[in-house]
All heavy atoms as atom14 arrays in JSON, in Angstrom:
{
  "sequence": "GLGTLDAELFETIARSQSPALDASMRPLSRAADHSKLWLAIAA",
  "atom14_mask": [
    [1, 1, 1, 1, 0, 0, 0, 0, 0, 0, 0, 0, 0, 0],
    [1, 1, 1, 1, 1, 1, 1, 1, 0, 0, 0, 0, 0, 0],
    [1, 1, 1, 1, 0, 0, 0, 0, 0, 0, 0, 0, 0, 0],
    [1, 1, 1, 1, 1, 1, 1, 0, 0, 0, 0, 0, 0, 0],
    [1, 1, 1, 1, 1, 1, 1, 1, 0, 0, 0, 0, 0, 0],
    [1, 1, 1, 1, 1, 1, 1, 1, 0, 0, 0, 0, 0, 0],
    [1, 1, 1, 1, 1, 0, 0, 0, 0, 0, 0, 0, 0, 0],
    [1, 1, 1, 1, 1, 1, 1, 1, 1, 0, 0, 0, 0, 0],
    [1, 1, 1, 1, 1, 1, 1, 1, 0, 0, 0, 0, 0, 0],
    [1, 1, 1, 1, 1, 1, 1, 1, 1, 1, 1, 0, 0, 0],
    [1, 1, 1, 1, 1, 1, 1, 1, 1, 0, 0, 0, 0, 0],
    [1, 1, 1, 1, 1, 1, 1, 0, 0, 0, 0, 0, 0, 0],
    [1, 1, 1, 1, 1, 1, 1, 1, 0, 0, 0, 0, 0, 0],
    [1, 1, 1, 1, 1, 0, 0, 0, 0, 0, 0, 0, 0, 0],
    [1, 1, 1, 1, 1, 1, 1, 1, 1, 1, 1, 0, 0, 0],
    [1, 1, 1, 1, 1, 1, 0, 0, 0, 0, 0, 0, 0, 0],
    [1, 1, 1, 1, 1, 1, 1, 1, 1, 0, 0, 0, 0, 0],
    [1, 1, 1, 1, 1, 1, 0, 0, 0, 0, 0, 0, 0, 0],
    [1, 1, 1, 1, 1, 1, 1, 0, 0, 0, 0, 0, 0, 0],
    [1, 1, 1, 1, 1, 0, 0, 0, 0, 0, 0, 0, 0, 0],
    [1, 1, 1, 1, 1, 1, 1, 1, 0, 0, 0, 0, 0, 0],
    [1, 1, 1, 1, 1, 1, 1, 1, 0, 0, 0, 0, 0, 0],
    [1, 1, 1, 1, 1, 0, 0, 0, 0, 0, 0, 0, 0, 0],
    [1, 1, 1, 1, 1, 1, 0, 0, 0, 0, 0, 0, 0, 0],
    [1, 1, 1, 1, 1, 1, 1, 1, 0, 0, 0, 0, 0, 0],
    [1, 1, 1, 1, 1, 1, 1, 1, 1, 1, 1, 0, 0, 0],
    [1, 1, 1, 1, 1, 1, 1, 0, 0, 0, 0, 0, 0, 0],
    [1, 1, 1, 1, 1, 1, 1, 1, 0, 0, 0, 0, 0, 0],
    [1, 1, 1, 1, 1, 1, 0, 0, 0, 0, 0, 0, 0, 0],
    [1, 1, 1, 1, 1, 1, 1, 1, 1, 1, 1, 0, 0, 0],
    [1, 1, 1, 1, 1, 0, 0, 0, 0, 0, 0, 0, 0, 0],
    [1, 1, 1, 1, 1, 0, 0, 0, 0, 0, 0, 0, 0, 0],
    [1, 1, 1, 1, 1, 1, 1, 1, 0, 0, 0, 0, 0, 0],
    [1, 1, 1, 1, 1, 1, 1, 1, 1, 1, 0, 0, 0, 0],
    [1, 1, 1, 1, 1, 1, 0, 0, 0, 0, 0, 0, 0, 0],
    [1, 1, 1, 1, 1, 1, 1, 1, 1, 0, 0, 0, 0, 0],
    [1, 1, 1, 1, 1, 1, 1, 1, 0, 0, 0, 0, 0, 0],
    [1, 1, 1, 1, 1, 1, 1, 1, 1, 1, 1, 1, 1, 1],
    [1, 1, 1, 1, 1, 1, 1, 1, 0, 0, 0, 0, 0, 0],
    [1, 1, 1, 1, 1, 0, 0, 0, 0, 0, 0, 0, 0, 0],
    [1, 1, 1, 1, 1, 1, 1, 1, 0, 0, 0, 0, 0, 0],
    [1, 1, 1, 1, 1, 0, 0, 0, 0, 0, 0, 0, 0, 0],
    [1, 1, 1, 1, 1, 0, 0, 0, 0, 0, 0, 0, 0, 0]
  ],
  "atom14_positions": [
    [[222.92, -41.98, -231.99], [224.11, -42.27, -231.19], [223.91, -41.97, -229.72], [224.34, -42.73, -228.85], [0.0, 0.0, 0.0], [0.0, 0.0, 0.0], [0.0, 0.0, 0.0], [0.0, 0.0, 0.0], [0.0, 0.0, 0.0], [0.0, 0.0, 0.0], [0.0, 0.0, 0.0], [0.0, 0.0, 0.0], [0.0, 0.0, 0.0], [0.0, 0.0, 0.0]],
    [[223.23, -40.84, -229.44], [222.95, -40.51, -228.04], [222.03, -41.55, -227.41], [222.18, -41.92, -226.25], [222.33, -39.12, -227.95], [223.25, -37.94, -228.26], [222.47, -36.63, -228.24], [224.4, -37.87, -227.26], [0.0, 0.0, 0.0], [0.0, 0.0, 0.0], [0.0, 0.0, 0.0], [0.0, 0.0, 0.0], [0.0, 0.0, 0.0], [0.0, 0.0, 0.0]],
    [[221.04, -42.01, -228.21], [220.15, -43.04, -227.69], [220.89, -44.32, -227.37], [220.62, -44.98, -226.36], [0.0, 0.0, 0.0], [0.0, 0.0, 0.0], [0.0, 0.0, 0.0], [0.0, 0.0, 0.0], [0.0, 0.0, 0.0], [0.0, 0.0, 0.0], [0.0, 0.0, 0.0], [0.0, 0.0, 0.0], [0.0, 0.0, 0.0], [0.0, 0.0, 0.0]],
    [[221.84, -44.69, -228.26], [222.63, -45.89, -228.01], [223.48, -45.74, -226.75], [223.58, -46.65, -225.92], [223.53, -46.17, -229.22], [222.72, -46.33, -230.39], [224.35, -47.43, -228.99], [0.0, 0.0, 0.0], [0.0, 0.0, 0.0], [0.0, 0.0, 0.0], [0.0, 0.0, 0.0], [0.0, 0.0, 0.0], [0.0, 0.0, 0.0], [0.0, 0.0, 0.0]],
    [[224.12, -44.57, -226.61], [224.93, -44.31, -225.42], [224.06, -44.36, -224.17], [224.47, -44.92, -223.14], [225.6, -42.95, -225.54], [226.42, -42.48, -224.33], [227.57, -43.43, -224.06], [226.94, -41.05, -224.55], [0.0, 0.0, 0.0], [0.0, 0.0, 0.0], [0.0, 0.0, 0.0], [0.0, 0.0, 0.0], [0.0, 0.0, 0.0], [0.0, 0.0, 0.0]],
    [[222.86, -43.8, -224.25], [221.94, -43.8, -223.11], [221.6, -45.24, -222.71], [221.59, -45.59, -221.53], [220.67, -43.03, -223.49], [219.91, -42.54, -222.27], [220.5, -42.5, -221.18], [218.73, -42.19, -222.42], [0.0, 0.0, 0.0], [0.0, 0.0, 0.0], [0.0, 0.0, 0.0], [0.0, 0.0, 0.0], [0.0, 0.0, 0.0], [0.0, 0.0, 0.0]],
    [[221.32, -46.08, -223.71], [220.98, -47.47, -223.43], [222.17, -48.23, -222.84], [222.0, -49.05, -221.92], [220.51, -48.16, -224.71], [0.0, 0.0, 0.0], [0.0, 0.0, 0.0], [0.0, 0.0, 0.0], [0.0, 0.0, 0.0], [0.0, 0.0, 0.0], [0.0, 0.0, 0.0], [0.0, 0.0, 0.0], [0.0, 0.0, 0.0], [0.0, 0.0, 0.0]],
    [[223.36, -47.94, -223.33], [224.54, -48.61, -222.8], [224.81, -48.19, -221.35], [225.19, -49.03, -220.52], [225.76, -48.29, -223.68], [225.7, -48.93, -225.06], [226.87, -48.54, -225.93], [227.65, -47.66, -225.49], [227.02, -49.1, -227.03], [0.0, 0.0, 0.0], [0.0, 0.0, 0.0], [0.0, 0.0, 0.0], [0.0, 0.0, 0.0], [0.0, 0.0, 0.0]],
    [[224.63, -46.91, -221.05], [224.79, -46.47, -219.67], [223.76, -47.14, -218.75], [224.08, -47.53, -217.62], [224.64, -44.94, -219.58], [225.78, -44.1, -220.13], [225.42, -42.62, -220.11], [227.06, -44.34, -219.32], [0.0, 0.0, 0.0], [0.0, 0.0, 0.0], [0.0, 0.0, 0.0], [0.0, 0.0, 0.0], [0.0, 0.0, 0.0], [0.0, 0.0, 0.0]],
    [[222.54, -47.27, -219.26], [221.52, -47.95, -218.46], [221.93, -49.39, -218.18], [221.81, -49.87, -217.04], [220.18, -47.91, -219.21], [219.13, -48.77, -218.58], [218.43, -48.34, -217.47], [218.87, -50.05, -219.08], [217.48, -49.15, -216.87], [217.91, -50.86, -218.49], [217.22, -50.41, -217.38], [0.0, 0.0, 0.0], [0.0, 0.0, 0.0], [0.0, 0.0, 0.0]],
    [[222.4, -50.1, -219.19], [222.81, -51.49, -219.01], [223.97, -51.6, -218.03], [224.02, -52.51, -217.21], [223.18, -52.1, -220.36], [222.02, -52.33, -221.3], [221.05, -53.36, -220.75], [221.49, -54.27, -220.02], [219.85, -53.24, -221.04], [0.0, 0.0, 0.0], [0.0, 0.0, 0.0], [0.0, 0.0, 0.0], [0.0, 0.0, 0.0], [0.0, 0.0, 0.0]],
    [[224.9, -50.65, -218.09], [226.04, -50.68, -217.18], [225.6, -50.55, -215.73], [226.05, -51.29, -214.85], [227.02, -49.55, -217.53], [227.48, -49.72, -218.88], [228.21, -49.57, -216.59], [0.0, 0.0, 0.0], [0.0, 0.0, 0.0], [0.0, 0.0, 0.0], [0.0, 0.0, 0.0], [0.0, 0.0, 0.0], [0.0, 0.0, 0.0], [0.0, 0.0, 0.0]],
    [[224.68, -49.6, -215.48], [224.19, -49.4, -214.12], [223.32, -50.57, -213.69], [223.4, -51.07, -212.55], [223.42, -48.08, -214.02], [224.35, -46.9, -214.31], [222.78, -47.92, -212.64], [223.64, -45.56, -214.4], [0.0, 0.0, 0.0], [0.0, 0.0, 0.0], [0.0, 0.0, 0.0], [0.0, 0.0, 0.0], [0.0, 0.0, 0.0], [0.0, 0.0, 0.0]],
    [[222.46, -51.03, -214.59], [221.53, -52.11, -214.24], [222.26, -53.4, -213.92], [221.87, -54.14, -213.0], [220.55, -52.33, -215.4], [0.0, 0.0, 0.0], [0.0, 0.0, 0.0], [0.0, 0.0, 0.0], [0.0, 0.0, 0.0], [0.0, 0.0, 0.0], [0.0, 0.0, 0.0], [0.0, 0.0, 0.0], [0.0, 0.0, 0.0], [0.0, 0.0, 0.0]],
    [[223.32, -53.71, -214.66], [224.03, -54.98, -214.46], [225.04, -54.93, -213.32], [225.6, -55.96, -212.96], [224.76, -55.37, -215.75], [223.83, -55.71, -216.91], [224.64, -56.02, -218.16], [223.79, -56.29, -219.29], [223.24, -57.49, -219.56], [223.48, -58.5, -218.74], [222.47, -57.65, -220.61], [0.0, 0.0, 0.0], [0.0, 0.0, 0.0], [0.0, 0.0, 0.0]],
    [[225.31, -53.73, -212.78], [226.33, -53.62, -211.75], [225.94, -54.44, -210.53], [224.8, -54.39, -210.06], [226.51, -52.14, -211.37], [225.31, -51.61, -210.86], [0.0, 0.0, 0.0], [0.0, 0.0, 0.0], [0.0, 0.0, 0.0], [0.0, 0.0, 0.0], [0.0, 0.0, 0.0], [0.0, 0.0, 0.0], [0.0, 0.0, 0.0], [0.0, 0.0, 0.0]],
    [[226.89, -55.17, -210.02], [226.67, -56.0, -208.85], [227.13, -55.21, -207.62], [228.32, -55.06, -207.37], [227.46, -57.31, -208.96], [227.06, -58.16, -210.15], [225.61, -58.64, -210.05], [225.13, -58.97, -208.96], [224.91, -58.67, -211.18], [0.0, 0.0, 0.0], [0.0, 0.0, 0.0], [0.0, 0.0, 0.0], [0.0, 0.0, 0.0], [0.0, 0.0, 0.0]],
    [[226.16, -54.67, -206.9], [226.48, -53.83, -205.74], [225.46, -54.09, -204.65], [224.28, -53.75, -204.8], [226.48, -52.34, -206.14], [226.58, -51.52, -204.99], [0.0, 0.0, 0.0], [0.0, 0.0, 0.0], [0.0, 0.0, 0.0], [0.0, 0.0, 0.0], [0.0, 0.0, 0.0], [0.0, 0.0, 0.0], [0.0, 0.0, 0.0], [0.0, 0.0, 0.0]],
    [[225.88, -54.67, -203.52], [224.94, -54.86, -202.41], [224.35, -53.54, -201.92], [223.2, -53.5, -201.47], [225.81, -55.52, -201.33], [226.93, -56.17, -202.09], [227.19, -55.27, -203.26], [0.0, 0.0, 0.0], [0.0, 0.0, 0.0], [0.0, 0.0, 0.0], [0.0, 0.0, 0.0], [0.0, 0.0, 0.0], [0.0, 0.0, 0.0], [0.0, 0.0, 0.0]],
    [[225.14, -52.45, -201.99], [224.63, -51.16, -201.53], [223.47, -50.69, -202.41], [222.45, -50.2, -201.91], [225.75, -50.12, -201.54], [0.0, 0.0, 0.0], [0.0, 0.0, 0.0], [0.0, 0.0, 0.0], [0.0, 0.0, 0.0], [0.0, 0.0, 0.0], [0.0, 0.0, 0.0], [0.0, 0.0, 0.0], [0.0, 0.0, 0.0], [0.0, 0.0, 0.0]],
    [[223.62, -50.84, -203.72], [222.53, -50.47, -204.62], [221.32, -51.36, -204.4], [220.17, -50.88, -204.39], [222.99, -50.55, -206.08], [224.0, -49.52, -206.56], [224.35, -49.76, -208.02], [223.48, -48.11, -206.37], [0.0, 0.0, 0.0], [0.0, 0.0, 0.0], [0.0, 0.0, 0.0], [0.0, 0.0, 0.0], [0.0, 0.0, 0.0], [0.0, 0.0, 0.0]],
    [[221.56, -52.66, -204.24], [220.45, -53.59, -204.04], [219.65, -53.24, -202.78], [218.42, -53.38, -202.75], [220.98, -55.02, -203.94], [221.62, -55.48, -205.25], [221.36, -54.83, -206.28], [222.38, -56.45, -205.22], [0.0, 0.0, 0.0], [0.0, 0.0, 0.0], [0.0, 0.0, 0.0], [0.0, 0.0, 0.0], [0.0, 0.0, 0.0], [0.0, 0.0, 0.0]],
    [[220.34, -52.79, -201.73], [219.67, -52.54, -200.46], [218.98, -51.18, -200.39], [217.99, -51.02, -199.67], [220.68, -52.65, -199.31], [0.0, 0.0, 0.0], [0.0, 0.0, 0.0], [0.0, 0.0, 0.0], [0.0, 0.0, 0.0], [0.0, 0.0, 0.0], [0.0, 0.0, 0.0], [0.0, 0.0, 0.0], [0.0, 0.0, 0.0], [0.0, 0.0, 0.0]],
    [[219.5, -50.19, -201.14], [219.02, -48.82, -200.94], [218.17, -48.26, -202.07], [217.3, -47.41, -201.83], [220.21, -47.89, -200.72], [221.05, -47.89, -201.87], [0.0, 0.0, 0.0], [0.0, 0.0, 0.0], [0.0, 0.0, 0.0], [0.0, 0.0, 0.0], [0.0, 0.0, 0.0], [0.0, 0.0, 0.0], [0.0, 0.0, 0.0], [0.0, 0.0, 0.0]],
    [[218.41, -48.72, -203.31], [217.78, -48.04, -204.44], [216.26, -48.22, -204.49], [215.52, -47.27, -204.71], [218.4, -48.49, -205.76], [219.83, -48.03, -205.95], [220.02, -46.22, -206.13], [220.44, -45.71, -204.47], [0.0, 0.0, 0.0], [0.0, 0.0, 0.0], [0.0, 0.0, 0.0], [0.0, 0.0, 0.0], [0.0, 0.0, 0.0], [0.0, 0.0, 0.0]],
    [[215.78, -49.43, -204.27], [214.33, -49.64, -204.36], [213.58, -48.91, -203.24], [212.58, -48.23, -203.51], [214.0, -51.13, -204.36], [212.51, -51.39, -204.63], [212.25, -52.81, -205.04], [212.5, -53.77, -203.96], [212.35, -55.09, -204.09], [211.96, -55.6, -205.25], [212.59, -55.89, -203.07], [0.0, 0.0, 0.0], [0.0, 0.0, 0.0], [0.0, 0.0, 0.0]],
    [[214.04, -48.97, -201.97], [213.34, -48.2, -200.93], [213.37, -46.69, -201.18], [212.39, -45.99, -200.93], [214.09, -48.56, -199.65], [214.72, -49.88, -199.94], [215.08, -49.85, -201.39], [0.0, 0.0, 0.0], [0.0, 0.0, 0.0], [0.0, 0.0, 0.0], [0.0, 0.0, 0.0], [0.0, 0.0, 0.0], [0.0, 0.0, 0.0], [0.0, 0.0, 0.0]],
    [[214.51, -46.18, -201.69], [214.61, -44.75, -201.94], [213.67, -44.33, -203.07], [212.99, -43.3, -202.98], [216.05, -44.37, -202.29], [216.31, -42.9, -202.6], [215.92, -42.04, -201.4], [217.78, -42.68, -202.96], [0.0, 0.0, 0.0], [0.0, 0.0, 0.0], [0.0, 0.0, 0.0], [0.0, 0.0, 0.0], [0.0, 0.0, 0.0], [0.0, 0.0, 0.0]],
    [[213.61, -45.15, -204.11], [212.72, -44.84, -205.24], [211.26, -44.85, -204.79], [210.47, -43.98, -205.17], [212.94, -45.85, -206.37], [212.11, -45.56, -207.47], [0.0, 0.0, 0.0], [0.0, 0.0, 0.0], [0.0, 0.0, 0.0], [0.0, 0.0, 0.0], [0.0, 0.0, 0.0], [0.0, 0.0, 0.0], [0.0, 0.0, 0.0], [0.0, 0.0, 0.0]],
    [[210.89, -45.82, -203.97], [209.52, -45.89, -203.49], [209.2, -44.73, -202.55], [208.07, -44.22, -202.54], [209.29, -47.22, -202.77], [209.31, -48.44, -203.68], [209.0, -49.7, -202.91], [207.65, -49.68, -202.36], [207.16, -50.64, -201.57], [207.92, -51.68, -201.23], [205.94, -50.55, -201.11], [0.0, 0.0, 0.0], [0.0, 0.0, 0.0], [0.0, 0.0, 0.0]],
    [[210.19, -44.29, -201.76], [209.96, -43.16, -200.86], [209.66, -41.88, -201.63], [208.92, -41.01, -201.15], [211.17, -42.96, -199.95], [0.0, 0.0, 0.0], [0.0, 0.0, 0.0], [0.0, 0.0, 0.0], [0.0, 0.0, 0.0], [0.0, 0.0, 0.0], [0.0, 0.0, 0.0], [0.0, 0.0, 0.0], [0.0, 0.0, 0.0], [0.0, 0.0, 0.0]],
    [[210.24, -41.78, -202.83], [210.02, -40.57, -203.65], [208.73, -40.64, -204.46], [208.37, -39.66, -205.12], [211.21, -40.35, -204.57], [0.0, 0.0, 0.0], [0.0, 0.0, 0.0], [0.0, 0.0, 0.0], [0.0, 0.0, 0.0], [0.0, 0.0, 0.0], [0.0, 0.0, 0.0], [0.0, 0.0, 0.0], [0.0, 0.0, 0.0], [0.0, 0.0, 0.0]],
    [[208.02, -41.77, -204.45], [206.75, -41.87, -205.17], [205.78, -40.82, -204.65], [205.62, -40.65, -203.43], [206.13, -43.26, -204.98], [206.85, -44.33, -205.8], [207.63, -43.95, -206.68], [206.64, -45.53, -205.53], [0.0, 0.0, 0.0], [0.0, 0.0, 0.0], [0.0, 0.0, 0.0], [0.0, 0.0, 0.0], [0.0, 0.0, 0.0], [0.0, 0.0, 0.0]],
    [[205.11, -40.14, -205.56], [204.12, -39.11, -205.22], [204.72, -38.04, -204.29], [204.0, -37.42, -203.5], [202.89, -39.73, -204.56], [202.28, -40.84, -205.35], [201.69, -40.65, -206.59], [202.2, -42.18, -205.1], [201.25, -41.8, -207.05], [201.55, -42.75, -206.18], [0.0, 0.0, 0.0], [0.0, 0.0, 0.0], [0.0, 0.0, 0.0], [0.0, 0.0, 0.0]],
    [[206.04, -37.86, -204.38], [206.76, -36.81, -203.63], [206.65, -36.99, -202.12], [206.8, -36.02, -201.36], [206.26, -35.41, -204.02], [206.47, -35.18, -205.39], [0.0, 0.0, 0.0], [0.0, 0.0, 0.0], [0.0, 0.0, 0.0], [0.0, 0.0, 0.0], [0.0, 0.0, 0.0], [0.0, 0.0, 0.0], [0.0, 0.0, 0.0], [0.0, 0.0, 0.0]],
    [[206.4, -38.22, -201.64], [206.26, -38.43, -200.19], [207.53, -38.04, -199.45], [207.46, -37.47, -198.35], [205.93, -39.91, -199.93], [204.58, -40.37, -200.45], [204.19, -41.73, -199.9], [205.17, -42.81, -200.31], [205.09, -43.15, -201.74], [0.0, 0.0, 0.0], [0.0, 0.0, 0.0], [0.0, 0.0, 0.0], [0.0, 0.0, 0.0], [0.0, 0.0, 0.0]],
    [[208.69, -38.34, -200.01], [209.95, -38.01, -199.36], [210.08, -36.51, -199.14], [210.43, -36.04, -198.05], [211.11, -38.53, -200.21], [212.53, -38.17, -199.74], [212.81, -38.78, -198.38], [213.56, -38.64, -200.77], [0.0, 0.0, 0.0], [0.0, 0.0, 0.0], [0.0, 0.0, 0.0], [0.0, 0.0, 0.0], [0.0, 0.0, 0.0], [0.0, 0.0, 0.0]],
    [[209.76, -35.74, -200.18], [209.94, -34.28, -200.1], [208.87, -33.66, -199.2], [209.16, -32.67, -198.5], [209.89, -33.68, -201.5], [210.76, -34.44, -202.46], [210.38, -35.11, -203.58], [212.18, -34.64, -202.35], [211.45, -35.71, -204.19], [212.58, -35.43, -203.46], [213.15, -34.23, -201.44], [213.89, -35.82, -203.67], [214.47, -34.61, -201.64], [214.82, -35.39, -202.74]],
    [[207.69, -34.2, -199.22], [206.64, -33.69, -198.32], [207.02, -33.9, -196.86], [206.79, -33.03, -196.0], [205.31, -34.37, -198.63], [204.66, -34.02, -199.98], [203.44, -34.91, -200.23], [204.25, -32.55, -200.0], [0.0, 0.0, 0.0], [0.0, 0.0, 0.0], [0.0, 0.0, 0.0], [0.0, 0.0, 0.0], [0.0, 0.0, 0.0], [0.0, 0.0, 0.0]],
    [[207.61, -35.06, -196.56], [208.03, -35.34, -195.18], [209.14, -34.39, -194.75], [209.14, -33.88, -193.61], [208.48, -36.79, -195.06], [0.0, 0.0, 0.0], [0.0, 0.0, 0.0], [0.0, 0.0, 0.0], [0.0, 0.0, 0.0], [0.0, 0.0, 0.0], [0.0, 0.0, 0.0], [0.0, 0.0, 0.0], [0.0, 0.0, 0.0], [0.0, 0.0, 0.0]],
    [[210.1, -34.14, -195.63], [211.2, -33.23, -195.3], [210.66, -31.82, -195.1], [211.06, -31.11, -194.17], [212.27, -33.26, -196.41], [212.96, -34.64, -196.43], [213.29, -32.16, -196.2], [213.93, -34.82, -197.57], [0.0, 0.0, 0.0], [0.0, 0.0, 0.0], [0.0, 0.0, 0.0], [0.0, 0.0, 0.0], [0.0, 0.0, 0.0], [0.0, 0.0, 0.0]],
    [[209.74, -31.39, -195.98], [209.16, -30.06, -195.85], [208.4, -29.92, -194.53], [208.45, -28.87, -193.88], [208.23, -29.77, -197.03], [0.0, 0.0, 0.0], [0.0, 0.0, 0.0], [0.0, 0.0, 0.0], [0.0, 0.0, 0.0], [0.0, 0.0, 0.0], [0.0, 0.0, 0.0], [0.0, 0.0, 0.0], [0.0, 0.0, 0.0], [0.0, 0.0, 0.0]],
    [[207.69, -30.97, -194.12], [206.96, -30.92, -192.85], [207.93, -30.75, -191.69], [207.68, -29.98, -190.75], [206.12, -32.18, -192.68], [0.0, 0.0, 0.0], [0.0, 0.0, 0.0], [0.0, 0.0, 0.0], [0.0, 0.0, 0.0], [0.0, 0.0, 0.0], [0.0, 0.0, 0.0], [0.0, 0.0, 0.0], [0.0, 0.0, 0.0], [0.0, 0.0, 0.0]]
  ]
}
């Protein structure tokens, strides 16, 4: 049941039509690759 709920929450977020999500989520996710975002903030 928890797995089903998890999948449904994923589908809800994935299908959401939001220009803000479209513009910000992919760059933010890529910035956090290999902890680059946190290393820059620490510096």
